[in-house]
Amino acid sequence: MNRINLAEANAQIPRKARFDDDLVSTLGFLLFFLALWLVPTVWQAHNDTRDLHLQNILRQEGYEAIGEVTQTHPTRSGADVVYRFSVNGVLYSGEAILLTGDYRHQTPDNKISIRYLPEDPHVNQPVNWGWFSVGKVIFYLMGLGLIAGIVACLIAGSRQKKLKRMGLVVEGRVTGCAPSRSRFTVYYEFTTEDKASLEGRTLMSDECAAGDSIPVMYLRSNPKRNDFYPD
């Protein structure tokens, strides 16, 4: 491991710093999948909001009728049910995604309860329509997980960037080294300017041997925040 000039490294504080390439790649990966998730999510949220508003109106102002299922198509969360019903001798039709728990046995010619607006029966909805399903919850949680991952990466990147900008550089000693996929996990110890002895670890491309000298940077305000100094 090449030695560095500690005085010169510390004279550069505050240094110019940017996010690590690995972190940038991870952020790009997460943002790509978040964009893929957002498109169907916005569409689904719009439909759910519209249908919930319609359900509220029909509960307040709608009349009930018994309809007949004409077609069913299975979906991940239930069934896409097409139905028809009669009001004053006139046939009307509708279609809705119904949860498997309520309509797992729906087949053509089965009866289904409908609510409709008396002034316009074209506005209708099954009585037991509901937006909630396990599949939808899992899908929304996937998006929340992606957002949480992005936030975690940004926080970690900001902390690492601060460490690179403001970290005091001292000489550290390698205490251990172990393979970690394509790199090595290097364990080290160092002494702060206040003579406190601390330990740390980092991922490095090069293998180190116990006793090797490596440059370590740490924050004066929180020496537990430390890492290898990329000379």
Protein backbone atom coordinates (compact mmCIF):
# COMPACT_ATOMS: atom_id res chain seq x y z
CA MET A 1 0.00 0.00 0.00
CA ASN A 2 1.50 3.33 -1.07
CA ARG A 3 2.06 5.87 1.66
CA ILE A 4 0.54 9.33 1.34
CA ASN A 5 1.49 12.69 2.73
CA LEU A 6 -0.90 13.10 5.67
CA ALA A 7 -0.20 16.80 6.09
CA GLU A 8 -0.93 17.43 2.41
CA ALA A 9 -4.13 15.35 2.53
CA ASN A 10 -5.41 17.25 5.57
CA ALA A 11 -4.43 20.63 4.12
CA GLN A 12 -7.00 20.06 1.37
CA ILE A 13 -9.96 20.13 3.81
CA PRO A 14 -12.67 20.83 2.72
CA ARG A 15 -11.99 18.61 -0.29
CA LYS A 16 -14.01 18.25 -3.45
CA ALA A 17 -16.11 15.11 -3.22
CA ARG A 18 -18.82 13.28 -5.13
CA PHE A 19 -20.89 10.14 -4.75
CA ASP A 20 -19.11 6.82 -5.29
CA ASP A 21 -19.58 5.21 -8.70
CA ASP A 22 -21.14 2.11 -7.08
CA LEU A 23 -23.67 4.29 -5.28
CA VAL A 24 -24.49 6.19 -8.47
CA SER A 25 -25.04 2.88 -10.27
CA THR A 26 -27.31 1.64 -7.49
CA LEU A 27 -29.32 4.88 -7.55
CA GLY A 28 -29.69 4.63 -11.32
CA PHE A 29 -30.90 1.03 -10.98
CA LEU A 30 -33.47 1.97 -8.32
CA LEU A 31 -34.67 5.05 -10.20
CA PHE A 32 -35.14 2.99 -13.38
CA PHE A 33 -37.37 0.47 -11.63
CA LEU A 34 -39.19 3.25 -9.78
CA ALA A 35 -40.05 4.83 -13.14
CA LEU A 36 -41.34 1.45 -14.38
CA TRP A 37 -43.42 1.14 -11.21
CA LEU A 38 -44.85 4.67 -11.38
CA VAL A 39 -46.53 4.32 -14.79
CA PRO A 40 -49.00 1.53 -13.88
CA THR A 41 -49.30 2.87 -10.32
CA VAL A 42 -50.53 6.30 -11.43
CA TRP A 43 -52.99 4.64 -13.79
CA GLN A 44 -54.23 2.25 -11.08
CA ALA A 45 -54.47 4.99 -8.45
CA HIS A 46 -56.52 7.11 -10.86
CA ASN A 47 -58.92 4.23 -11.50
CA ASP A 48 -59.22 3.38 -7.80
CA THR A 49 -59.91 7.02 -6.89
CA ARG A 50 -62.54 7.32 -9.60
CA ASP A 51 -64.22 4.04 -8.60
CA LEU A 52 -64.19 4.92 -4.89
CA HIS A 53 -65.84 8.26 -5.70
CA LEU A 54 -68.43 6.45 -7.79
CA GLN A 55 -69.03 3.95 -4.99
CA ASN A 56 -69.69 6.77 -2.55
CA ILE A 57 -72.21 8.41 -4.90
CA LEU A 58 -73.99 5.13 -5.58
CA ARG A 59 -74.25 4.35 -1.86
CA GLN A 60 -75.97 7.69 -1.29
CA GLU A 61 -78.12 8.00 -4.38
CA GLY A 62 -78.12 4.63 -6.14
CA TYR A 63 -80.84 2.02 -6.52
CA GLU A 64 -80.15 -1.68 -6.34
CA ALA A 65 -80.91 -4.27 -9.00
CA ILE A 66 -80.09 -7.91 -9.62
CA GLY A 67 -77.92 -8.37 -12.68
CA GLU A 68 -76.59 -11.31 -14.62
CA VAL A 69 -72.93 -12.15 -15.25
CA THR A 70 -72.25 -12.47 -18.99
CA GLN A 71 -68.47 -12.89 -19.04
CA THR A 72 -65.64 -13.47 -16.57
CA HIS A 73 -61.90 -13.22 -17.12
CA PRO A 74 -59.49 -14.18 -14.33
CA THR A 75 -56.99 -11.58 -13.14
CA ARG A 76 -54.18 -11.68 -10.56
CA SER A 77 -56.36 -10.22 -7.82
CA GLY A 78 -59.76 -11.60 -8.76
CA ALA A 79 -61.93 -11.56 -11.87
CA ASP A 80 -62.86 -9.08 -14.59
CA VAL A 81 -66.65 -9.47 -14.58
CA VAL A 82 -68.95 -8.23 -17.33
CA TYR A 83 -72.63 -8.05 -16.38
CA ARG A 84 -76.00 -6.74 -17.49
CA PHE A 85 -79.18 -5.71 -15.70
CA SER A 86 -82.58 -4.34 -16.56
CA VAL A 87 -84.23 -1.07 -15.49
CA ASN A 88 -87.82 -0.47 -16.65
CA GLY A 89 -87.39 -3.06 -19.36
CA VAL A 90 -84.18 -1.52 -20.73
CA LEU A 91 -80.95 -3.53 -20.59
CA TYR A 92 -77.77 -1.90 -19.30
CA SER A 93 -74.30 -3.36 -18.92
CA GLY A 94 -71.19 -2.81 -16.83
CA GLU A 95 -67.77 -4.19 -16.10
CA ALA A 96 -65.64 -4.31 -12.95
CA ILE A 97 -62.63 -6.02 -11.43
CA LEU A 98 -63.94 -8.01 -8.47
CA LEU A 99 -61.88 -9.61 -5.73
CA THR A 100 -61.45 -13.36 -5.74
CA GLY A 101 -62.68 -13.61 -2.16
CA ASP A 102 -66.10 -12.23 -3.15
CA TYR A 103 -66.53 -13.72 -6.62
CA ARG A 104 -64.30 -16.76 -6.84
CA HIS A 105 -67.19 -18.83 -8.20
CA GLN A 106 -68.67 -16.27 -10.60
CA THR A 107 -69.53 -17.77 -13.97
CA PRO A 108 -71.81 -16.62 -16.81
CA ASP A 109 -75.52 -16.63 -15.87
CA ASN A 110 -74.74 -16.15 -12.18
CA LYS A 111 -76.62 -13.35 -10.42
CA ILE A 112 -74.88 -10.25 -9.17
CA SER A 113 -76.15 -7.30 -7.12
CA ILE A 114 -75.78 -3.91 -8.83
CA ARG A 115 -76.18 -0.29 -7.78
CA TYR A 116 -77.05 2.29 -10.43
CA LEU A 117 -78.04 5.94 -10.63
CA PRO A 118 -81.79 6.18 -11.31
CA GLU A 119 -81.34 9.20 -13.60
CA ASP A 120 -78.61 7.40 -15.59
CA PRO A 121 -78.36 3.60 -15.14
CA HIS A 122 -75.27 3.61 -17.35
CA VAL A 123 -73.53 4.76 -14.15
CA ASN A 124 -73.39 1.54 -12.14
CA GLN A 125 -71.18 -0.67 -10.04
CA PRO A 126 -71.42 -4.05 -8.28
CA VAL A 127 -72.64 -3.70 -4.69
CA ASN A 128 -69.63 -5.58 -3.29
CA TRP A 129 -67.00 -3.82 -5.36
CA GLY A 130 -63.86 -3.02 -3.35
CA TRP A 131 -60.47 -1.61 -4.24
CA PHE A 132 -58.47 -3.56 -1.65
CA SER A 133 -56.58 -6.73 -2.56
CA VAL A 134 -53.40 -8.38 -1.33
CA GLY A 135 -51.89 -8.05 -4.81
CA LYS A 136 -52.43 -4.30 -4.86
CA VAL A 137 -50.99 -3.86 -1.39
CA ILE A 138 -47.87 -5.84 -2.35
CA PHE A 139 -47.52 -3.78 -5.51
CA TYR A 140 -47.77 -0.49 -3.60
CA LEU A 141 -45.32 -1.78 -0.98
CA MET A 142 -42.84 -2.57 -3.75
CA GLY A 143 -42.88 1.08 -4.73
CA LEU A 144 -42.47 2.20 -1.13
CA GLY A 145 -39.53 -0.17 -0.84
CA LEU A 146 -37.91 1.37 -3.93
CA ILE A 147 -38.44 4.87 -2.54
CA ALA A 148 -37.01 3.83 0.82
CA GLY A 149 -33.99 2.34 -0.96
CA ILE A 150 -33.41 5.57 -2.88
CA VAL A 151 -33.67 7.65 0.29
CA ALA A 152 -31.28 5.29 2.11
CA CYS A 153 -28.76 5.56 -0.75
CA LEU A 154 -28.98 9.35 -0.75
CA ILE A 155 -28.46 9.50 3.02
CA ALA A 156 -25.53 7.09 2.85
CA GLY A 157 -24.07 8.99 -0.10
CA SER A 158 -24.39 12.33 1.68
CA ARG A 159 -22.67 10.95 4.78
CA GLN A 160 -19.87 9.44 2.70
CA LYS A 161 -19.48 12.68 0.77
CA LYS A 162 -19.20 14.64 4.02
CA LEU A 163 -16.58 12.18 5.28
CA LYS A 164 -14.55 12.62 2.09
CA ARG A 165 -14.82 16.42 2.31
CA MET A 166 -14.13 16.91 6.00
CA GLY A 167 -12.46 13.70 7.19
CA LEU A 168 -9.14 13.98 8.99
CA VAL A 169 -6.61 11.54 7.48
CA VAL A 170 -4.40 9.42 9.74
CA GLU A 171 -2.35 6.26 9.34
CA GLY A 172 -4.21 3.04 9.98
CA ARG A 173 -3.09 -0.58 10.32
CA VAL A 174 -4.75 -3.57 8.66
CA THR A 175 -5.87 -6.18 11.17
CA GLY A 176 -7.56 -8.57 8.75
CA CYS A 177 -8.67 -9.11 5.17
CA ALA A 178 -11.31 -11.42 3.73
CA PRO A 179 -12.64 -11.97 0.17
CA SER A 180 -16.03 -10.35 -0.51
CA ARG A 181 -17.27 -11.27 -3.98
CA SER A 182 -15.04 -9.39 -6.42
CA ARG A 183 -13.41 -7.29 -3.69
CA PHE A 184 -12.00 -7.62 -0.19
CA THR A 185 -13.34 -6.63 3.21
CA VAL A 186 -10.43 -4.98 4.99
CA TYR A 187 -10.45 -4.56 8.77
CA TYR A 188 -8.25 -1.88 10.29
CA GLU A 189 -7.48 0.09 13.42
CA PHE A 190 -6.33 3.67 13.84
CA THR A 191 -5.67 6.31 16.49
CA THR A 192 -7.42 9.68 16.49
CA GLU A 193 -5.73 12.99 17.22
CA ASP A 194 -7.20 12.66 20.75
CA LYS A 195 -5.28 9.35 21.16
CA ALA A 196 -8.43 7.26 21.06
CA SER A 197 -8.02 3.83 19.47
CA LEU A 198 -10.82 2.82 17.07
CA GLU A 199 -11.54 0.07 14.59
CA GLY A 200 -13.26 0.08 11.21
CA ARG A 201 -13.71 -1.86 8.01
CA THR A 202 -14.10 -1.08 4.33
CA LEU A 203 -14.37 -2.69 0.90
CA MET A 204 -11.26 -2.48 -1.26
CA SER A 205 -10.24 -3.74 -4.69
CA ASP A 206 -6.75 -4.75 -3.52
CA GLU A 207 -5.97 -7.49 -1.03
CA CYS A 208 -4.14 -6.37 2.10
CA ALA A 209 -2.06 -8.22 4.65
CA ALA A 210 -2.26 -7.82 8.39
CA GLY A 211 0.09 -5.07 9.49
CA ASP A 212 -0.11 -3.12 6.22
CA SER A 213 -0.36 0.64 6.56
CA ILE A 214 -3.42 2.30 4.99
CA PRO A 215 -4.69 5.90 5.12
CA VAL A 216 -7.89 6.24 7.15
CA MET A 217 -10.18 9.29 7.29
CA TYR A 218 -12.59 10.04 10.14
CA LEU A 219 -14.85 12.86 11.26
CA ARG A 220 -13.61 14.82 14.24
CA SER A 221 -17.21 15.23 15.41
CA ASN A 222 -17.86 11.48 15.17
CA PRO A 223 -14.74 9.30 14.81
CA LYS A 224 -16.93 6.20 14.46
CA ARG A 225 -17.66 7.53 10.98
CA ASN A 226 -14.48 6.44 9.24
CA ASP A 227 -13.30 4.79 6.07
CA PHE A 228 -10.32 4.17 3.83
CA TYR A 229 -9.00 7.42 2.37
CA PRO A 230 -8.96 7.10 -1.45
CA ASP A 231 -5.62 8.72 -2.23
